[in-house]
Structure formats: structure tokens, C-alpha cells
PDB file of all heavy atoms in Angstrom:
ATOM      1  N   HIS A   1      -9.218  -5.400   3.037  1.00  0.00           N
ATOM      2  CA  HIS A   1      -9.103  -6.780   2.553  1.00  0.00           C
ATOM      3  C   HIS A   1      -9.267  -7.812   3.669  1.00  0.00           C
ATOM      4  O   HIS A   1      -9.325  -9.006   3.402  1.00  0.00           O
ATOM      5  CB  HIS A   1      -7.756  -6.993   1.856  1.00  0.00           C
ATOM      6  CG  HIS A   1      -7.693  -6.368   0.493  1.00  0.00           C
ATOM      7  ND1 HIS A   1      -6.534  -6.326  -0.234  1.00  0.00           N
ATOM      8  CD2 HIS A   1      -8.632  -5.768  -0.277  1.00  0.00           C
ATOM      9  CE1 HIS A   1      -6.756  -5.733  -1.392  1.00  0.00           C
ATOM     10  NE2 HIS A   1      -8.026  -5.379  -1.441  1.00  0.00           N
ATOM     11  N   TRP A   2      -9.321  -7.369   4.914  1.00  0.00           N
ATOM     12  CA  TRP A   2      -9.550  -8.295   6.030  1.00  0.00           C
ATOM     13  C   TRP A   2     -10.978  -8.813   5.980  1.00  0.00           C
ATOM     14  O   TRP A   2     -11.244  -9.962   6.276  1.00  0.00           O
ATOM     15  CB  TRP A   2      -9.264  -7.587   7.351  1.00  0.00           C
ATOM     16  CG  TRP A   2      -9.526  -8.411   8.562  1.00  0.00           C
ATOM     17  CD1 TRP A   2     -10.402  -8.130   9.571  1.00  0.00           C
ATOM     18  CD2 TRP A   2      -8.931  -9.659   8.934  1.00  0.00           C
ATOM     19  NE1 TRP A   2     -10.381  -9.118  10.527  1.00  0.00           N
ATOM     20  CE2 TRP A   2      -9.482 -10.070  10.161  1.00  0.00           C
ATOM     21  CE3 TRP A   2      -7.980 -10.480   8.338  1.00  0.00           C
ATOM     22  CZ2 TRP A   2      -9.122 -11.259  10.797  1.00  0.00           C
ATOM     23  CZ3 TRP A   2      -7.617 -11.660   8.970  1.00  0.00           C
ATOM     24  CH2 TRP A   2      -8.197 -12.033  10.188  1.00  0.00           C
ATOM     25  N   GLY A   3     -11.922  -7.948   5.614  1.00  0.00           N
ATOM     26  CA  GLY A   3     -13.308  -8.373   5.533  1.00  0.00           C
ATOM     27  C   GLY A   3     -14.253  -7.232   5.833  1.00  0.00           C
ATOM     28  O   GLY A   3     -13.857  -6.067   5.890  1.00  0.00           O
ATOM     29  N   THR A   4     -15.506  -7.578   6.022  1.00  0.00           N
ATOM     30  CA  THR A   4     -16.540  -6.586   6.279  1.00  0.00           C
ATOM     31  C   THR A   4     -17.520  -7.132   7.303  1.00  0.00           C
ATOM     32  O   THR A   4     -17.750  -8.344   7.360  1.00  0.00           O
ATOM     33  CB  THR A   4     -17.265  -6.188   4.974  1.00  0.00           C
ATOM     34  OG1 THR A   4     -18.209  -5.167   5.256  1.00  0.00           O
ATOM     35  CG2 THR A   4     -17.969  -7.363   4.325  1.00  0.00           C
ATOM     36  N   SER A   5     -18.076  -6.238   8.118  1.00  0.00           N
ATOM     37  CA  SER A   5     -19.021  -6.630   9.164  1.00  0.00           C
ATOM     38  C   SER A   5     -20.238  -5.727   9.120  1.00  0.00           C
ATOM     39  O   SER A   5     -20.164  -4.591   8.669  1.00  0.00           O
ATOM     40  CB  SER A   5     -18.389  -6.522  10.551  1.00  0.00           C
ATOM     41  OG  SER A   5     -17.299  -7.394  10.676  1.00  0.00           O
ATOM     42  N   GLN A   6     -21.341  -6.257   9.632  1.00  0.00           N
ATOM     43  CA  GLN A   6     -22.561  -5.467   9.702  1.00  0.00           C
ATOM     44  C   GLN A   6     -23.426  -5.983  10.842  1.00  0.00           C
ATOM     45  O   GLN A   6     -23.549  -7.198  11.026  1.00  0.00           O
ATOM     46  CB  GLN A   6     -23.329  -5.566   8.382  1.00  0.00           C
ATOM     47  CG  GLN A   6     -24.562  -4.696   8.320  1.00  0.00           C
ATOM     48  CD  GLN A   6     -25.271  -4.816   6.989  1.00  0.00           C
ATOM     49  OE1 GLN A   6     -25.749  -5.876   6.633  1.00  0.00           O
ATOM     50  NE2 GLN A   6     -25.315  -3.709   6.248  1.00  0.00           N
ATOM     51  N   TYR A   7     -23.996  -5.048  11.597  1.00  0.00           N
ATOM     52  CA  TYR A   7     -24.975  -5.405  12.622  1.00  0.00           C
ATOM     53  C   TYR A   7     -26.342  -5.507  11.979  1.00  0.00           C
ATOM     54  O   TYR A   7     -26.709  -4.672  11.159  1.00  0.00           O
ATOM     55  CB  TYR A   7     -25.032  -4.364  13.746  1.00  0.00           C
ATOM     56  CG  TYR A   7     -23.980  -4.564  14.793  1.00  0.00           C
ATOM     57  CD1 TYR A   7     -22.846  -3.779  14.811  1.00  0.00           C
ATOM     58  CD2 TYR A   7     -24.128  -5.548  15.762  1.00  0.00           C
ATOM     59  CE1 TYR A   7     -21.874  -3.957  15.775  1.00  0.00           C
ATOM     60  CE2 TYR A   7     -23.158  -5.740  16.731  1.00  0.00           C
ATOM     61  CZ  TYR A   7     -22.040  -4.948  16.734  1.00  0.00           C
ATOM     62  OH  TYR A   7     -21.085  -5.131  17.686  1.00  0.00           O
ATOM     63  N   GLN A   8     -27.073  -6.532  12.351  1.00  0.00           N
ATOM     64  CA  GLN A   8     -28.460  -6.691  11.937  1.00  0.00           C
ATOM     65  C   GLN A   8     -29.236  -6.979  13.213  1.00  0.00           C
ATOM     66  O   GLN A   8     -29.251  -8.115  13.686  1.00  0.00           O
ATOM     67  CB  GLN A   8     -28.596  -7.834  10.925  1.00  0.00           C
ATOM     68  CG  GLN A   8     -27.816  -7.574   9.650  1.00  0.00           C
ATOM     69  CD  GLN A   8     -27.636  -8.806   8.807  1.00  0.00           C
ATOM     70  OE1 GLN A   8     -27.617  -9.923   9.306  1.00  0.00           O
ATOM     71  NE2 GLN A   8     -27.484  -8.596   7.517  1.00  0.00           N
ATOM     72  N   GLY A   9     -29.813  -5.913  13.778  1.00  0.00           N
ATOM     73  CA  GLY A   9     -30.441  -6.053  15.089  1.00  0.00           C
ATOM     74  C   GLY A   9     -29.364  -6.252  16.135  1.00  0.00           C
ATOM     75  O   GLY A   9     -28.446  -5.459  16.261  1.00  0.00           O
ATOM     76  N   SER A  10     -29.442  -7.354  16.873  1.00  0.00           N
ATOM     77  CA  SER A  10     -28.436  -7.631  17.897  1.00  0.00           C
ATOM     78  C   SER A  10     -27.399  -8.641  17.403  1.00  0.00           C
ATOM     79  O   SER A  10     -26.610  -9.146  18.179  1.00  0.00           O
ATOM     80  CB  SER A  10     -29.105  -8.163  19.165  1.00  0.00           C
ATOM     81  OG  SER A  10     -29.735  -9.397  18.902  1.00  0.00           O
ATOM     82  N   SER A  11     -27.397  -8.923  16.106  1.00  0.00           N
ATOM     83  CA  SER A  11     -26.450  -9.893  15.551  1.00  0.00           C
ATOM     84  C   SER A  11     -25.372  -9.199  14.729  1.00  0.00           C
ATOM     85  O   SER A  11     -25.671  -8.338  13.905  1.00  0.00           O
ATOM     86  CB  SER A  11     -27.171 -10.900  14.654  1.00  0.00           C
ATOM     87  OG  SER A  11     -28.087 -11.656  15.406  1.00  0.00           O
ATOM     88  N   LEU A  12     -24.145  -9.592  14.954  1.00  0.00           N
ATOM     89  CA  LEU A  12     -23.014  -9.100  14.176  1.00  0.00           C
ATOM     90  C   LEU A  12     -22.627 -10.196  13.191  1.00  0.00           C
ATOM     91  O   LEU A  12     -22.349 -11.326  13.590  1.00  0.00           O
ATOM     92  CB  LEU A  12     -21.828  -8.765  15.069  1.00  0.00           C
ATOM     93  CG  LEU A  12     -20.544  -8.369  14.339  1.00  0.00           C
ATOM     94  CD1 LEU A  12     -20.737  -7.044  13.601  1.00  0.00           C
ATOM     95  CD2 LEU A  12     -19.375  -8.276  15.306  1.00  0.00           C
ATOM     96  N   THR A  13     -22.624  -9.851  11.921  1.00  0.00           N
ATOM     97  CA  THR A  13     -22.226 -10.800  10.887  1.00  0.00           C
ATOM     98  C   THR A  13     -20.955 -10.278  10.239  1.00  0.00           C
ATOM     99  O   THR A  13     -20.889  -9.116   9.835  1.00  0.00           O
ATOM    100  CB  THR A  13     -23.333 -10.969   9.825  1.00  0.00           C
ATOM    101  OG1 THR A  13     -24.533 -11.365  10.493  1.00  0.00           O
ATOM    102  CG2 THR A  13     -22.957 -12.019   8.811  1.00  0.00           C
ATOM    103  N   THR A  14     -19.943 -11.132  10.135  1.00  0.00           N
ATOM    104  CA  THR A  14     -18.662 -10.756   9.560  1.00  0.00           C
ATOM    105  C   THR A  14     -18.305 -11.715   8.439  1.00  0.00           C
ATOM    106  O   THR A  14     -18.456 -12.929   8.576  1.00  0.00           O
ATOM    107  CB  THR A  14     -17.555 -10.785  10.634  1.00  0.00           C
ATOM    108  OG1 THR A  14     -17.915  -9.876  11.678  1.00  0.00           O
ATOM    109  CG2 THR A  14     -16.205 -10.395  10.067  1.00  0.00           C
ATOM    110  N   TYR A  15     -17.833 -11.157   7.349  1.00  0.00           N
ATOM    111  CA  TYR A  15     -17.333 -11.947   6.223  1.00  0.00           C
ATOM    112  C   TYR A  15     -15.853 -11.646   6.059  1.00  0.00           C
ATOM    113  O   TYR A  15     -15.468 -10.488   5.881  1.00  0.00           O
ATOM    114  CB  TYR A  15     -18.088 -11.602   4.936  1.00  0.00           C
ATOM    115  CG  TYR A  15     -19.470 -12.194   4.903  1.00  0.00           C
ATOM    116  CD1 TYR A  15     -20.529 -11.557   5.531  1.00  0.00           C
ATOM    117  CD2 TYR A  15     -19.706 -13.407   4.284  1.00  0.00           C
ATOM    118  CE1 TYR A  15     -21.800 -12.111   5.531  1.00  0.00           C
ATOM    119  CE2 TYR A  15     -20.976 -13.969   4.270  1.00  0.00           C
ATOM    120  CZ  TYR A  15     -22.019 -13.318   4.890  1.00  0.00           C
ATOM    121  OH  TYR A  15     -23.267 -13.876   4.885  1.00  0.00           O
ATOM    122  N   ARG A  16     -15.013 -12.668   6.157  1.00  0.00           N
ATOM    123  CA  ARG A  16     -13.571 -12.545   5.991  1.00  0.00           C
ATOM    124  C   ARG A  16     -13.196 -13.016   4.587  1.00  0.00           C
ATOM    125  O   ARG A  16     -13.682 -14.036   4.118  1.00  0.00           O
ATOM    126  CB  ARG A  16     -12.817 -13.411   7.008  1.00  0.00           C
ATOM    127  CG  ARG A  16     -13.100 -13.052   8.431  1.00  0.00           C
ATOM    128  CD  ARG A  16     -12.216 -11.921   8.894  1.00  0.00           C
ATOM    129  NE  ARG A  16     -12.479 -11.645  10.291  1.00  0.00           N
ATOM    130  CZ  ARG A  16     -12.793 -10.459  10.744  1.00  0.00           C
ATOM    131  NH1 ARG A  16     -12.854  -9.432   9.942  1.00  0.00           N
ATOM    132  NH2 ARG A  16     -13.044 -10.282  12.008  1.00  0.00           N
ATOM    133  N   TYR A  17     -12.309 -12.254   3.936  1.00  0.00           N
ATOM    134  CA  TYR A  17     -11.874 -12.610   2.593  1.00  0.00           C
ATOM    135  C   TYR A  17     -10.699 -13.574   2.671  1.00  0.00           C
ATOM    136  O   TYR A  17      -9.706 -13.308   3.349  1.00  0.00           O
ATOM    137  CB  TYR A  17     -11.489 -11.356   1.813  1.00  0.00           C
ATOM    138  CG  TYR A  17     -12.629 -10.376   1.685  1.00  0.00           C
ATOM    139  CD1 TYR A  17     -12.486  -9.051   2.074  1.00  0.00           C
ATOM    140  CD2 TYR A  17     -13.867 -10.774   1.190  1.00  0.00           C
ATOM    141  CE1 TYR A  17     -13.535  -8.153   1.961  1.00  0.00           C
ATOM    142  CE2 TYR A  17     -14.923  -9.883   1.071  1.00  0.00           C
ATOM    143  CZ  TYR A  17     -14.747  -8.577   1.457  1.00  0.00           C
ATOM    144  OH  TYR A  17     -15.791  -7.692   1.344  1.00  0.00           O
ATOM    145  N   VAL A  18     -10.829 -14.691   1.982  1.00  0.00           N
ATOM    146  CA  VAL A  18      -9.790 -15.714   1.958  1.00  0.00           C
ATOM    147  C   VAL A  18      -9.489 -16.109   0.513  1.00  0.00           C
ATOM    148  O   VAL A  18     -10.300 -15.903  -0.389  1.00  0.00           O
ATOM    149  CB  VAL A  18     -10.189 -16.978   2.755  1.00  0.00           C
ATOM    150  CG1 VAL A  18     -10.381 -16.672   4.221  1.00  0.00           C
ATOM    151  CG2 VAL A  18     -11.427 -17.628   2.180  1.00  0.00           C
ATOM    152  N   PHE A  19      -8.312 -16.689   0.322  1.00  0.00           N
ATOM    153  CA  PHE A  19      -7.970 -17.257  -0.981  1.00  0.00           C
ATOM    154  C   PHE A  19      -8.671 -18.600  -1.114  1.00  0.00           C
ATOM    155  O   PHE A  19      -8.730 -19.373  -0.153  1.00  0.00           O
ATOM    156  CB  PHE A  19      -6.458 -17.467  -1.103  1.00  0.00           C
ATOM    157  CG  PHE A  19      -5.679 -16.190  -1.168  1.00  0.00           C
ATOM    158  CD1 PHE A  19      -4.965 -15.744  -0.084  1.00  0.00           C
ATOM    159  CD2 PHE A  19      -5.665 -15.437  -2.334  1.00  0.00           C
ATOM    160  CE1 PHE A  19      -4.237 -14.564  -0.143  1.00  0.00           C
ATOM    161  CE2 PHE A  19      -4.944 -14.255  -2.404  1.00  0.00           C
ATOM    162  CZ  PHE A  19      -4.226 -13.817  -1.310  1.00  0.00           C
ATOM    163  N   GLY A  20      -9.200 -18.868  -2.292  1.00  0.00           N
ATOM    164  CA  GLY A  20      -9.916 -20.117  -2.503  1.00  0.00           C
ATOM    165  C   GLY A  20      -9.637 -20.709  -3.862  1.00  0.00           C
ATOM    166  O   GLY A  20      -8.728 -20.290  -4.566  1.00  0.00           O
ATOM    167  N   ASN A  21     -10.419 -21.684  -4.219  1.00  0.00           N
ATOM    168  CA  ASN A  21     -10.362 -22.395  -5.493  1.00  0.00           C
ATOM    169  C   ASN A  21      -9.179 -23.360  -5.561  1.00  0.00           C
ATOM    170  O   ASN A  21      -8.657 -23.622  -6.637  1.00  0.00           O
ATOM    171  CB  ASN A  21     -10.338 -21.414  -6.669  1.00  0.00           C
ATOM    172  CG  ASN A  21     -10.917 -22.045  -7.917  1.00  0.00           C
ATOM    173  OD1 ASN A  21     -11.894 -22.784  -7.837  1.00  0.00           O
ATOM    174  ND2 ASN A  21     -10.325 -21.765  -9.060  1.00  0.00           N
ATOM    175  N   GLY A  22      -8.745 -23.859  -4.425  1.00  0.00           N
ATOM    176  CA  GLY A  22      -7.636 -24.812  -4.404  1.00  0.00           C
ATOM    177  C   GLY A  22      -6.314 -24.135  -4.673  1.00  0.00           C
ATOM    178  O   GLY A  22      -6.212 -22.928  -4.764  1.00  0.00           O
ATOM    179  N   GLY A  23      -5.296 -24.914  -4.806  1.00  0.00           N
ATOM    180  CA  GLY A  23      -3.980 -24.378  -5.125  1.00  0.00           C
ATOM    181  C   GLY A  23      -3.243 -23.851  -3.908  1.00  0.00           C
ATOM    182  O   GLY A  23      -3.706 -23.909  -2.779  1.00  0.00           O
ATOM    183  N   TYR A  24      -2.056 -23.318  -4.181  1.00  0.00           N
ATOM    184  CA  TYR A  24      -1.197 -22.791  -3.129  1.00  0.00           C
ATOM    185  C   TYR A  24      -1.886 -21.631  -2.411  1.00  0.00           C
ATOM    186  O   TYR A  24      -2.390 -20.732  -3.048  1.00  0.00           O
ATOM    187  CB  TYR A  24       0.131 -22.307  -3.705  1.00  0.00           C
ATOM    188  CG  TYR A  24       0.857 -23.313  -4.550  1.00  0.00           C
ATOM    189  CD1 TYR A  24       1.113 -23.057  -5.886  1.00  0.00           C
ATOM    190  CD2 TYR A  24       1.267 -24.526  -4.013  1.00  0.00           C
ATOM    191  CE1 TYR A  24       1.779 -23.980  -6.668  1.00  0.00           C
ATOM    192  CE2 TYR A  24       1.928 -25.459  -4.791  1.00  0.00           C
ATOM    193  CZ  TYR A  24       2.184 -25.181  -6.120  1.00  0.00           C
ATOM    194  OH  TYR A  24       2.834 -26.095  -6.897  1.00  0.00           O
ATOM    195  N   GLY A  25      -1.915 -21.673  -1.098  1.00  0.00           N
ATOM    196  CA  GLY A  25      -2.496 -20.606  -0.308  1.00  0.00           C
ATOM    197  C   GLY A  25      -3.992 -20.752  -0.054  1.00  0.00           C
ATOM    198  O   GLY A  25      -4.602 -19.869   0.534  1.00  0.00           O
ATOM    199  N   ASN A  26      -4.578 -21.849  -0.479  1.00  0.00           N
ATOM    200  CA  ASN A  26      -6.017 -22.055  -0.307  1.00  0.00           C
ATOM    201  C   ASN A  26      -6.404 -21.951   1.169  1.00  0.00           C
ATOM    202  O   ASN A  26      -5.796 -22.562   2.025  1.00  0.00           O
ATOM    203  CB  ASN A  26      -6.423 -23.424  -0.843  1.00  0.00           C
ATOM    204  CG  ASN A  26      -7.915 -23.573  -0.937  1.00  0.00           C
ATOM    205  OD1 ASN A  26      -8.577 -22.784  -1.597  1.00  0.00           O
ATOM    206  ND2 ASN A  26      -8.455 -24.589  -0.278  1.00  0.00           N
ATOM    207  N   GLY A  27      -7.413 -21.134   1.467  1.00  0.00           N
ATOM    208  CA  GLY A  27      -7.900 -20.980   2.834  1.00  0.00           C
ATOM    209  C   GLY A  27      -7.185 -19.912   3.645  1.00  0.00           C
ATOM    210  O   GLY A  27      -7.631 -19.573   4.734  1.00  0.00           O
ATOM    211  N   GLN A  28      -6.102 -19.356   3.127  1.00  0.00           N
ATOM    212  CA  GLN A  28      -5.375 -18.306   3.841  1.00  0.00           C
ATOM    213  C   GLN A  28      -6.158 -16.993   3.759  1.00  0.00           C
ATOM    214  O   GLN A  28      -6.806 -16.701   2.752  1.00  0.00           O
ATOM    215  CB  GLN A  28      -3.991 -18.082   3.219  1.00  0.00           C
ATOM    216  CG  GLN A  28      -3.069 -19.265   3.324  1.00  0.00           C
ATOM    217  CD  GLN A  28      -2.650 -19.525   4.747  1.00  0.00           C
ATOM    218  OE1 GLN A  28      -2.319 -18.605   5.492  1.00  0.00           O
ATOM    219  NE2 GLN A  28      -2.671 -20.779   5.149  1.00  0.00           N
ATOM    220  N   TYR A  29      -6.086 -16.197   4.815  1.00  0.00           N
ATOM    221  CA  TYR A  29      -6.687 -14.871   4.750  1.00  0.00           C
ATOM    222  C   TYR A  29      -5.970 -14.052   3.688  1.00  0.00           C
ATOM    223  O   TYR A  29      -4.758 -14.149   3.537  1.00  0.00           O
ATOM    224  CB  TYR A  29      -6.597 -14.156   6.099  1.00  0.00           C
ATOM    225  CG  TYR A  29      -7.517 -14.759   7.125  1.00  0.00           C
ATOM    226  CD1 TYR A  29      -7.023 -15.441   8.226  1.00  0.00           C
ATOM    227  CD2 TYR A  29      -8.903 -14.656   6.981  1.00  0.00           C
ATOM    228  CE1 TYR A  29      -7.877 -15.999   9.162  1.00  0.00           C
ATOM    229  CE2 TYR A  29      -9.768 -15.215   7.916  1.00  0.00           C
ATOM    230  CZ  TYR A  29      -9.244 -15.887   8.998  1.00  0.00           C
ATOM    231  OH  TYR A  29     -10.091 -16.443   9.912  1.00  0.00           O
ATOM    232  N   MET A  30      -6.716 -13.238   2.965  1.00  0.00           N
ATOM    233  CA  MET A  30      -6.115 -12.576   1.811  1.00  0.00           C
ATOM    234  C   MET A  30      -5.426 -11.266   2.148  1.00  0.00           C
ATOM    235  O   MET A  30      -4.514 -10.884   1.457  1.00  0.00           O
ATOM    236  CB  MET A  30      -7.119 -12.494   0.698  1.00  0.00           C
ATOM    237  CG  MET A  30      -8.002 -11.369   0.361  1.00  0.00           C
ATOM    238  SD  MET A  30      -7.420  -9.790   0.074  1.00  0.00           S
ATOM    239  CE  MET A  30      -6.486  -9.977  -1.365  1.00  0.00           C
ATOM    240  N   LYS A  31      -5.834 -10.588   3.215  1.00  0.00           N
ATOM    241  CA  LYS A  31      -5.184  -9.314   3.547  1.00  0.00           C
ATOM    242  C   LYS A  31      -3.702  -9.540   3.837  1.00  0.00           C
ATOM    243  O   LYS A  31      -3.324 -10.409   4.623  1.00  0.00           O
ATOM    244  CB  LYS A  31      -5.851  -8.652   4.755  1.00  0.00           C
ATOM    245  CG  LYS A  31      -5.262  -7.284   5.067  1.00  0.00           C
ATOM    246  CD  LYS A  31      -6.018  -6.567   6.151  1.00  0.00           C
ATOM    247  CE  LYS A  31      -5.454  -5.178   6.369  1.00  0.00           C
ATOM    248  NZ  LYS A  31      -6.244  -4.430   7.348  1.00  0.00           N
ATOM    249  N   ASN A  32      -2.882  -8.754   3.169  1.00  0.00           N
ATOM    250  CA  ASN A  32      -1.422  -8.799   3.314  1.00  0.00           C
ATOM    251  C   ASN A  32      -0.828 -10.146   2.913  1.00  0.00           C
ATOM    252  O   ASN A  32       0.210 -10.552   3.435  1.00  0.00           O
ATOM    253  CB  ASN A  32      -0.995  -8.410   4.730  1.00  0.00           C
ATOM    254  CG  ASN A  32      -1.343  -6.989   5.055  1.00  0.00           C
ATOM    255  OD1 ASN A  32      -1.352  -6.129   4.182  1.00  0.00           O
ATOM    256  ND2 ASN A  32      -1.649  -6.729   6.300  1.00  0.00           N
ATOM    257  N   ASN A  33      -1.467 -10.844   1.986  1.00  0.00           N
ATOM    258  CA  ASN A  33      -0.951 -12.127   1.511  1.00  0.00           C
ATOM    259  C   ASN A  33      -0.917 -12.248   0.002  1.00  0.00           C
ATOM    260  O   ASN A  33      -0.525 -13.285  -0.515  1.00  0.00           O
ATOM    261  CB  ASN A  33      -1.783 -13.285   2.073  1.00  0.00           C
ATOM    262  CG  ASN A  33      -1.294 -13.747   3.411  1.00  0.00           C
ATOM    263  OD1 ASN A  33      -0.110 -13.706   3.697  1.00  0.00           O
ATOM    264  ND2 ASN A  33      -2.207 -14.174   4.262  1.00  0.00           N
ATOM    265  N   ALA A  34      -1.346 -11.247  -0.749  1.00  0.00           N
ATOM    266  CA  ALA A  34      -1.360 -11.346  -2.214  1.00  0.00           C
ATOM    267  C   ALA A  34       0.008 -11.008  -2.789  1.00  0.00           C
ATOM    268  O   ALA A  34       0.725 -10.150  -2.274  1.00  0.00           O
ATOM    269  CB  ALA A  34      -2.421 -10.430  -2.806  1.00  0.00           C
ATOM    270  N   ALA A  35       0.346 -11.693  -3.880  1.00  0.00           N
ATOM    271  CA  ALA A  35       1.629 -11.461  -4.542  1.00  0.00           C
ATOM    272  C   ALA A  35       1.463 -10.988  -5.982  1.00  0.00           C
ATOM    273  O   ALA A  35       2.367 -10.381  -6.539  1.00  0.00           O
ATOM    274  CB  ALA A  35       2.476 -12.729  -4.509  1.00  0.00           C
ATOM    275  N   SER A  36       0.312 -11.284  -6.606  1.00  0.00           N
ATOM    276  CA  SER A  36       0.086 -10.850  -7.982  1.00  0.00           C
ATOM    277  C   SER A  36      -1.382 -10.530  -8.197  1.00  0.00           C
ATOM    278  O   SER A  36      -2.242 -10.928  -7.407  1.00  0.00           O
ATOM    279  CB  SER A  36       0.566 -11.913  -8.972  1.00  0.00           C
ATOM    280  OG  SER A  36      -0.089 -13.140  -8.763  1.00  0.00           O
ATOM    281  N   VAL A  37      -1.651  -9.791  -9.277  1.00  0.00           N
ATOM    282  CA  VAL A  37      -2.987  -9.285  -9.559  1.00  0.00           C
ATOM    283  C   VAL A  37      -3.307  -9.475 -11.033  1.00  0.00           C
ATOM    284  O   VAL A  37      -2.438  -9.378 -11.895  1.00  0.00           O
ATOM    285  CB  VAL A  37      -3.073  -7.778  -9.203  1.00  0.00           C
ATOM    286  CG1 VAL A  37      -4.403  -7.180  -9.627  1.00  0.00           C
ATOM    287  CG2 VAL A  37      -2.848  -7.576  -7.717  1.00  0.00           C
ATOM    288  N   GLN A  38      -4.584  -9.720 -11.291  1.00  0.00           N
ATOM    289  CA  GLN A  38      -5.079  -9.830 -12.655  1.00  0.00           C
ATOM    290  C   GLN A  38      -6.355  -8.978 -12.741  1.00  0.00           C
ATOM    291  O   GLN A  38      -7.325  -9.250 -12.037  1.00  0.00           O
ATOM    292  CB  GLN A  38      -5.384 -11.296 -12.963  1.00  0.00           C
ATOM    293  CG  GLN A  38      -5.834 -11.593 -14.354  1.00  0.00           C
ATOM    294  CD  GLN A  38      -6.047 -13.095 -14.545  1.00  0.00           C
ATOM    295  OE1 GLN A  38      -6.435 -13.800 -13.619  1.00  0.00           O
ATOM    296  NE2 GLN A  38      -5.798 -13.561 -15.732  1.00  0.00           N
ATOM    297  N   ASN A  39      -6.337  -7.933 -13.570  1.00  0.00           N
ATOM    298  CA  ASN A  39      -7.525  -7.107 -13.753  1.00  0.00           C
ATOM    299  C   ASN A  39      -8.245  -7.588 -15.011  1.00  0.00           C
ATOM    300  O   ASN A  39      -7.791  -7.359 -16.116  1.00  0.00           O
ATOM    301  CB  ASN A  39      -7.172  -5.624 -13.877  1.00  0.00           C
ATOM    302  CG  ASN A  39      -8.410  -4.754 -13.997  1.00  0.00           C
ATOM    303  OD1 ASN A  39      -9.538  -5.231 -13.917  1.00  0.00           O
ATOM    304  ND2 ASN A  39      -8.206  -3.467 -14.187  1.00  0.00           N
ATOM    305  N   CYS A  40      -9.370  -8.236 -14.816  1.00  0.00           N
ATOM    306  CA  CYS A  40     -10.164  -8.748 -15.933  1.00  0.00           C
ATOM    307  C   CYS A  40     -11.376  -7.875 -16.233  1.00  0.00           C
ATOM    308  O   CYS A  40     -12.272  -8.284 -16.965  1.00  0.00           O
ATOM    309  CB  CYS A  40     -10.601 -10.183 -15.649  1.00  0.00           C
ATOM    310  SG  CYS A  40      -9.230 -11.334 -15.617  1.00  0.00           S
TER     311      CYS A  40
END
């Protein structure tokens, strides 16, 4: 849940998962920060 990385040639690209869409916790990293889940 921290994120994912990949090398493309000599470039390392990393995507970090964060909470979004406004509201409480917006912009916080999501790993070890979730309190509830909804399976849709």
C-alpha cells in the first residue's frame, strides 16, 4: 500500500498511494492509515 516503482531505462518512476477526494485525511499516505473498507 506504500506504492509501486518501475525502472524505464535509466529512469525510476514511483507512484505512492494517498487518500484523496477531499475530506478528512486528504493527501495522507494510505499505507497504515486506513480505518474502514468498502468492497464494491
